[in-house]
N, C-alpha and C. Protein backbone atom coordinates (compact mmCIF):
# COMPACT_ATOMS: atom_id res chain seq x y z
N MET A 1 -4.23 13.45 -7.31
CA MET A 1 -4.77 14.24 -6.10
C MET A 1 -3.69 14.95 -5.46
N THR A 2 -4.02 16.29 -5.14
CA THR A 2 -3.01 17.08 -4.55
C THR A 2 -2.95 16.87 -2.96
N THR A 3 -1.89 17.21 -2.45
CA THR A 3 -1.63 16.98 -0.99
C THR A 3 -2.18 18.33 -0.36
N PRO A 4 -3.04 18.17 0.72
CA PRO A 4 -3.51 19.39 1.33
C PRO A 4 -2.53 20.00 2.36
N THR A 5 -2.80 21.19 2.74
CA THR A 5 -2.08 21.92 3.84
C THR A 5 -2.91 21.97 5.05
N LEU A 6 -2.23 21.68 6.23
CA LEU A 6 -2.94 21.79 7.51
C LEU A 6 -3.69 22.94 7.68
N PRO A 7 -5.08 22.94 7.85
CA PRO A 7 -5.81 24.17 8.04
C PRO A 7 -5.72 24.74 9.42
N THR A 8 -5.01 25.84 9.53
CA THR A 8 -4.81 26.52 10.84
C THR A 8 -5.77 27.80 10.76
N PRO A 9 -6.39 28.01 11.84
CA PRO A 9 -7.28 29.27 11.82
C PRO A 9 -6.45 30.59 11.72
N ASN A 10 -7.05 31.59 11.15
CA ASN A 10 -6.42 32.91 11.00
C ASN A 10 -5.82 33.33 12.39
N ASN A 11 -4.66 33.90 12.31
CA ASN A 11 -3.99 34.51 13.48
C ASN A 11 -3.71 33.36 14.72
N VAL A 12 -3.66 32.22 14.36
CA VAL A 12 -3.32 31.25 15.37
C VAL A 12 -1.99 30.71 15.10
N GLU A 13 -1.12 30.80 15.97
CA GLU A 13 0.31 30.40 15.99
C GLU A 13 0.37 29.14 16.80
N ILE A 14 1.52 28.41 16.56
CA ILE A 14 1.94 27.27 17.47
C ILE A 14 2.22 27.85 18.80
N SER A 15 1.74 27.14 19.87
CA SER A 15 1.94 27.64 21.22
C SER A 15 3.42 27.55 21.66
N VAL A 16 3.81 28.47 22.65
CA VAL A 16 5.06 28.39 23.22
C VAL A 16 5.30 27.04 23.86
N GLY A 17 6.44 26.43 23.73
CA GLY A 17 6.75 25.06 24.38
C GLY A 17 6.61 24.00 23.32
N SER A 18 6.05 24.21 22.07
CA SER A 18 6.04 23.29 20.99
C SER A 18 7.56 22.96 20.72
N SER A 19 7.78 21.67 20.30
CA SER A 19 9.19 21.45 20.14
C SER A 19 9.37 20.50 18.84
N ARG A 20 10.68 20.52 18.39
CA ARG A 20 10.99 19.67 17.12
C ARG A 20 12.17 18.90 17.50
N ASP A 21 12.03 17.57 17.35
CA ASP A 21 13.12 16.66 17.57
C ASP A 21 13.63 16.28 16.16
N GLU A 22 14.98 16.17 16.05
CA GLU A 22 15.51 15.67 14.73
C GLU A 22 16.49 14.56 15.07
N VAL A 23 16.40 13.47 14.31
CA VAL A 23 17.26 12.26 14.67
C VAL A 23 17.89 11.83 13.29
N ALA A 24 19.17 11.71 13.34
CA ALA A 24 19.92 11.30 12.14
C ALA A 24 20.09 9.85 12.19
N ARG A 25 19.78 9.06 11.04
CA ARG A 25 19.90 7.68 10.86
C ARG A 25 21.33 7.38 10.38
N VAL A 26 22.08 6.66 11.04
CA VAL A 26 23.48 6.42 10.70
C VAL A 26 23.79 5.02 10.75
N LEU A 27 24.39 4.50 9.71
CA LEU A 27 24.96 3.10 9.56
C LEU A 27 26.34 3.11 10.11
N LYS A 28 26.60 2.16 10.96
CA LYS A 28 27.91 2.19 11.64
C LYS A 28 28.43 0.81 11.77
N ALA A 29 29.68 0.61 11.41
CA ALA A 29 30.50 -0.54 11.46
C ALA A 29 31.54 -0.34 12.49
N GLN A 30 31.53 -1.11 13.59
CA GLN A 30 32.47 -1.03 14.69
C GLN A 30 33.66 -1.91 14.40
N PHE A 31 34.89 -1.43 14.38
CA PHE A 31 36.03 -2.24 14.26
C PHE A 31 36.89 -2.32 15.62
N GLY A 32 37.91 -3.08 15.60
CA GLY A 32 38.68 -3.19 16.84
C GLY A 32 39.44 -1.90 17.11
N ASN A 33 39.96 -1.81 18.39
CA ASN A 33 40.62 -0.64 18.82
C ASN A 33 39.78 0.65 18.80
N GLY A 34 38.51 0.55 18.88
CA GLY A 34 37.67 1.79 18.98
C GLY A 34 37.38 2.44 17.69
N TYR A 35 37.82 1.90 16.65
CA TYR A 35 37.60 2.56 15.29
C TYR A 35 36.18 2.11 14.82
N ALA A 36 35.61 3.12 13.94
CA ALA A 36 34.24 2.92 13.56
C ALA A 36 34.19 3.58 12.25
N GLN A 37 33.36 2.89 11.30
CA GLN A 37 33.02 3.54 9.99
C GLN A 37 31.51 4.06 10.05
N ARG A 38 31.22 5.19 9.63
CA ARG A 38 29.90 5.78 9.60
C ARG A 38 29.51 6.31 8.35
N ALA A 39 28.20 6.22 8.03
CA ALA A 39 27.60 6.75 6.85
C ALA A 39 26.09 7.06 7.04
N GLY A 40 25.59 8.04 6.41
CA GLY A 40 24.25 8.31 6.46
C GLY A 40 23.34 7.21 5.92
N ASP A 41 22.24 6.93 6.49
CA ASP A 41 21.30 5.87 6.01
C ASP A 41 20.29 6.48 4.99
N GLY A 42 20.72 6.43 3.73
CA GLY A 42 19.77 6.82 2.81
C GLY A 42 19.89 8.38 2.48
N LEU A 43 19.05 8.79 1.44
CA LEU A 43 19.10 10.18 0.93
C LEU A 43 18.55 11.12 1.93
N ASN A 44 17.47 10.81 2.67
CA ASN A 44 16.91 11.60 3.73
C ASN A 44 17.16 11.03 5.06
N ALA A 45 18.37 11.14 5.44
CA ALA A 45 18.83 10.44 6.81
C ALA A 45 18.51 11.25 8.03
N ILE A 46 17.81 12.42 7.92
CA ILE A 46 17.51 13.10 9.23
C ILE A 46 16.04 13.21 9.20
N ASN A 47 15.42 12.65 10.16
CA ASN A 47 14.00 12.62 10.41
C ASN A 47 13.60 13.56 11.59
N ALA A 48 12.50 14.23 11.26
CA ALA A 48 12.06 15.23 12.30
C ALA A 48 10.69 14.79 12.89
N GLU A 49 10.48 15.17 14.09
CA GLU A 49 9.26 14.90 14.78
C GLU A 49 8.84 16.14 15.45
N TYR A 50 7.61 16.66 15.32
CA TYR A 50 7.18 17.89 15.85
C TYR A 50 6.04 17.69 16.80
N SER A 51 6.15 18.26 18.07
CA SER A 51 5.17 18.15 19.00
C SER A 51 4.58 19.53 19.07
N VAL A 52 3.38 19.73 18.63
CA VAL A 52 2.87 21.05 18.55
C VAL A 52 1.47 21.14 19.34
N ALA A 53 1.21 22.43 19.76
CA ALA A 53 -0.07 22.70 20.36
C ALA A 53 -0.66 23.92 19.83
N PHE A 54 -1.89 24.04 19.62
CA PHE A 54 -2.61 25.24 19.23
C PHE A 54 -3.57 25.57 20.40
N GLU A 55 -3.36 26.68 20.87
CA GLU A 55 -4.27 27.09 22.07
C GLU A 55 -5.31 28.13 21.71
N ASN A 56 -6.25 28.24 22.59
CA ASN A 56 -7.32 29.21 22.51
C ASN A 56 -8.06 29.24 21.14
N LEU A 57 -8.35 27.94 20.72
CA LEU A 57 -9.11 27.78 19.57
C LEU A 57 -10.61 27.68 19.96
N THR A 58 -11.48 28.26 19.13
CA THR A 58 -12.92 27.97 19.41
C THR A 58 -13.23 26.51 19.16
N ARG A 59 -14.29 26.04 19.56
CA ARG A 59 -14.67 24.81 19.44
C ARG A 59 -14.77 24.34 17.98
N ASP A 60 -15.30 25.32 17.16
CA ASP A 60 -15.36 25.07 15.71
C ASP A 60 -13.95 24.99 15.04
N GLU A 61 -13.04 25.82 15.45
CA GLU A 61 -11.67 25.85 14.87
C GLU A 61 -11.05 24.57 15.32
N ALA A 62 -11.18 24.07 16.50
CA ALA A 62 -10.60 22.86 16.97
C ALA A 62 -11.14 21.67 16.13
N LYS A 63 -12.46 21.67 15.88
CA LYS A 63 -13.06 20.65 15.23
C LYS A 63 -12.61 20.51 13.80
N ILE A 64 -12.37 21.72 13.11
CA ILE A 64 -11.87 21.76 11.72
C ILE A 64 -10.49 20.97 11.69
N MET A 65 -9.58 21.32 12.77
CA MET A 65 -8.27 20.63 12.80
C MET A 65 -8.34 19.15 13.08
N THR A 66 -9.25 18.76 14.06
CA THR A 66 -9.30 17.25 14.30
C THR A 66 -9.98 16.50 13.21
N ASP A 67 -10.96 17.14 12.59
CA ASP A 67 -11.52 16.46 11.36
C ASP A 67 -10.53 16.24 10.36
N PHE A 68 -9.63 17.25 10.12
CA PHE A 68 -8.62 17.16 9.15
C PHE A 68 -7.71 15.94 9.48
N PHE A 69 -7.28 15.79 10.77
CA PHE A 69 -6.46 14.71 11.22
C PHE A 69 -7.19 13.35 10.99
N ILE A 70 -8.45 13.28 11.29
CA ILE A 70 -9.30 12.10 11.16
C ILE A 70 -9.34 11.70 9.67
N GLU A 71 -9.60 12.70 8.77
CA GLU A 71 -9.55 12.45 7.34
C GLU A 71 -8.27 11.84 6.86
N ARG A 72 -7.05 12.43 7.39
CA ARG A 72 -5.83 11.98 6.87
C ARG A 72 -5.45 10.57 7.53
N ALA A 73 -6.13 10.17 8.52
CA ALA A 73 -5.99 8.88 9.05
C ALA A 73 -4.68 8.37 9.51
N GLY A 74 -3.78 9.27 9.88
CA GLY A 74 -2.54 9.07 10.36
C GLY A 74 -1.46 8.52 9.41
N TRP A 75 -1.77 8.26 8.09
CA TRP A 75 -0.92 7.85 7.02
C TRP A 75 -0.91 8.71 5.88
N LYS A 76 -1.90 9.46 5.58
CA LYS A 76 -1.92 10.34 4.45
C LYS A 76 -1.19 11.73 4.77
N ALA A 77 -0.22 12.09 4.04
CA ALA A 77 0.65 13.23 4.27
C ALA A 77 -0.09 14.53 4.13
N PHE A 78 0.41 15.61 4.67
CA PHE A 78 -0.09 16.95 4.50
C PHE A 78 1.06 17.90 4.66
N TYR A 79 0.84 19.11 4.10
CA TYR A 79 1.95 20.07 4.28
C TYR A 79 1.74 20.91 5.50
N PHE A 80 2.86 21.28 6.09
CA PHE A 80 2.90 22.17 7.27
C PHE A 80 4.21 22.91 7.24
N THR A 81 4.20 24.18 7.48
CA THR A 81 5.37 25.02 7.62
C THR A 81 5.84 25.28 8.99
N PRO A 82 6.84 24.70 9.55
CA PRO A 82 7.25 25.03 10.99
C PRO A 82 7.55 26.55 11.08
N PRO A 83 7.39 27.13 12.27
CA PRO A 83 7.53 28.58 12.40
C PRO A 83 8.89 29.08 12.04
N ASP A 84 9.97 28.32 12.17
CA ASP A 84 11.24 28.83 11.80
C ASP A 84 11.79 28.43 10.35
N GLN A 85 10.77 27.89 9.51
CA GLN A 85 11.04 27.62 8.15
C GLN A 85 10.26 28.45 7.14
N ASP A 86 10.79 28.42 5.98
CA ASP A 86 10.17 29.21 4.90
C ASP A 86 9.46 28.31 3.92
N THR A 87 9.84 27.05 3.92
CA THR A 87 9.33 26.09 2.96
C THR A 87 8.54 25.04 3.72
N PRO A 88 7.30 24.74 3.20
CA PRO A 88 6.54 23.69 3.84
C PRO A 88 7.11 22.33 3.60
N ARG A 89 6.97 21.46 4.67
CA ARG A 89 7.42 20.06 4.64
C ARG A 89 6.24 19.18 4.65
N LEU A 90 6.54 17.83 4.16
CA LEU A 90 5.41 16.90 4.42
C LEU A 90 5.44 16.09 5.67
N TRP A 91 4.21 16.10 6.22
CA TRP A 91 4.13 15.40 7.64
C TRP A 91 2.91 14.43 7.62
N THR A 92 2.98 13.55 8.52
CA THR A 92 1.84 12.72 8.94
C THR A 92 1.49 13.04 10.41
N CYS A 93 0.26 12.67 10.81
CA CYS A 93 -0.10 12.83 12.22
C CYS A 93 -0.87 11.65 12.69
N GLU A 94 -0.24 10.84 13.49
CA GLU A 94 -0.79 9.62 14.02
C GLU A 94 -1.57 9.81 15.35
N LYS A 95 -1.22 10.84 16.10
CA LYS A 95 -1.66 11.06 17.41
C LYS A 95 -2.07 12.58 17.70
N TRP A 96 -3.25 12.86 18.19
CA TRP A 96 -3.57 14.21 18.54
C TRP A 96 -4.48 14.08 19.69
N ARG A 97 -4.67 15.29 20.34
CA ARG A 97 -5.48 15.36 21.59
C ARG A 97 -6.18 16.75 21.52
N THR A 98 -7.54 16.68 21.95
CA THR A 98 -8.19 17.93 22.34
C THR A 98 -8.38 18.09 23.74
N ILE A 99 -8.06 19.23 24.26
CA ILE A 99 -8.25 19.64 25.70
C ILE A 99 -9.28 20.71 25.78
N HIS A 100 -10.26 20.55 26.60
CA HIS A 100 -11.31 21.51 26.67
C HIS A 100 -10.87 22.39 27.91
N VAL A 101 -10.56 23.62 27.47
CA VAL A 101 -9.86 24.57 28.54
C VAL A 101 -10.97 25.57 29.05
N GLY A 102 -12.00 25.60 28.48
CA GLY A 102 -13.15 26.50 28.91
C GLY A 102 -14.40 26.27 28.32
N PRO A 103 -15.46 26.97 28.61
CA PRO A 103 -16.72 26.71 27.94
C PRO A 103 -16.84 26.82 26.51
N ILE A 104 -15.88 27.56 25.89
CA ILE A 104 -15.95 27.75 24.41
C ILE A 104 -14.61 27.61 23.74
N HIS A 105 -13.53 27.27 24.51
CA HIS A 105 -12.29 27.18 23.91
C HIS A 105 -11.62 25.80 24.22
N ASP A 106 -10.79 25.41 23.22
CA ASP A 106 -10.12 24.18 23.20
C ASP A 106 -8.62 24.32 22.83
N THR A 107 -7.86 23.43 23.29
CA THR A 107 -6.40 23.35 22.77
C THR A 107 -6.31 22.07 21.99
N VAL A 108 -5.66 22.07 20.94
CA VAL A 108 -5.38 20.90 20.12
C VAL A 108 -3.89 20.63 20.08
N SER A 109 -3.49 19.54 20.61
CA SER A 109 -2.03 19.24 20.59
C SER A 109 -1.85 17.93 19.57
N ALA A 110 -0.69 17.95 18.91
CA ALA A 110 -0.52 16.75 18.10
C ALA A 110 0.99 16.45 17.84
N THR A 111 1.34 15.36 17.30
CA THR A 111 2.63 14.98 17.00
C THR A 111 2.64 14.79 15.56
N PHE A 112 3.62 15.49 14.83
CA PHE A 112 3.83 15.38 13.48
C PHE A 112 5.15 14.60 13.21
N THR A 113 5.13 13.81 12.24
CA THR A 113 6.30 13.11 11.79
C THR A 113 6.54 13.40 10.45
N GLN A 114 7.78 13.86 10.08
CA GLN A 114 8.14 14.31 8.73
C GLN A 114 8.26 13.00 7.83
N VAL A 115 7.78 13.07 6.62
CA VAL A 115 7.75 11.98 5.65
C VAL A 115 8.41 12.60 4.35
N PHE A 116 8.87 11.66 3.61
CA PHE A 116 9.56 12.00 2.21
C PHE A 116 8.85 11.33 1.14
N ALA A 117 8.63 12.03 0.06
CA ALA A 117 7.90 11.33 -1.03
C ALA A 117 8.72 11.83 -2.29
N PRO A 118 8.63 10.97 -3.28
CA PRO A 118 9.34 11.27 -4.50
C PRO A 118 8.55 12.39 -5.33
């Protein structure tokens, strides 16, 4: 089974204010006199988390996105290309929110966590 790509409506970009946090996992052994030995924890030692929002979606566009998150159930990965990247990465989404901003428009916000697969 192939891994799907996040369905984003045509001409819809991530909203201003969306952010990506990256955290390096480091193994550290502390020695006397303030000395420490450090090493990266594994092959993929930098984990990313992306807080994104998609604004001014029609109700149907928002439903397509939230239905996709429901189908992925928080643990199945999908491809998404961050705006400053050229290559898609694998992500999961355990939490999302729909905000009704008008009679026919919604905003969908979500938190993506980068995952690594062989």
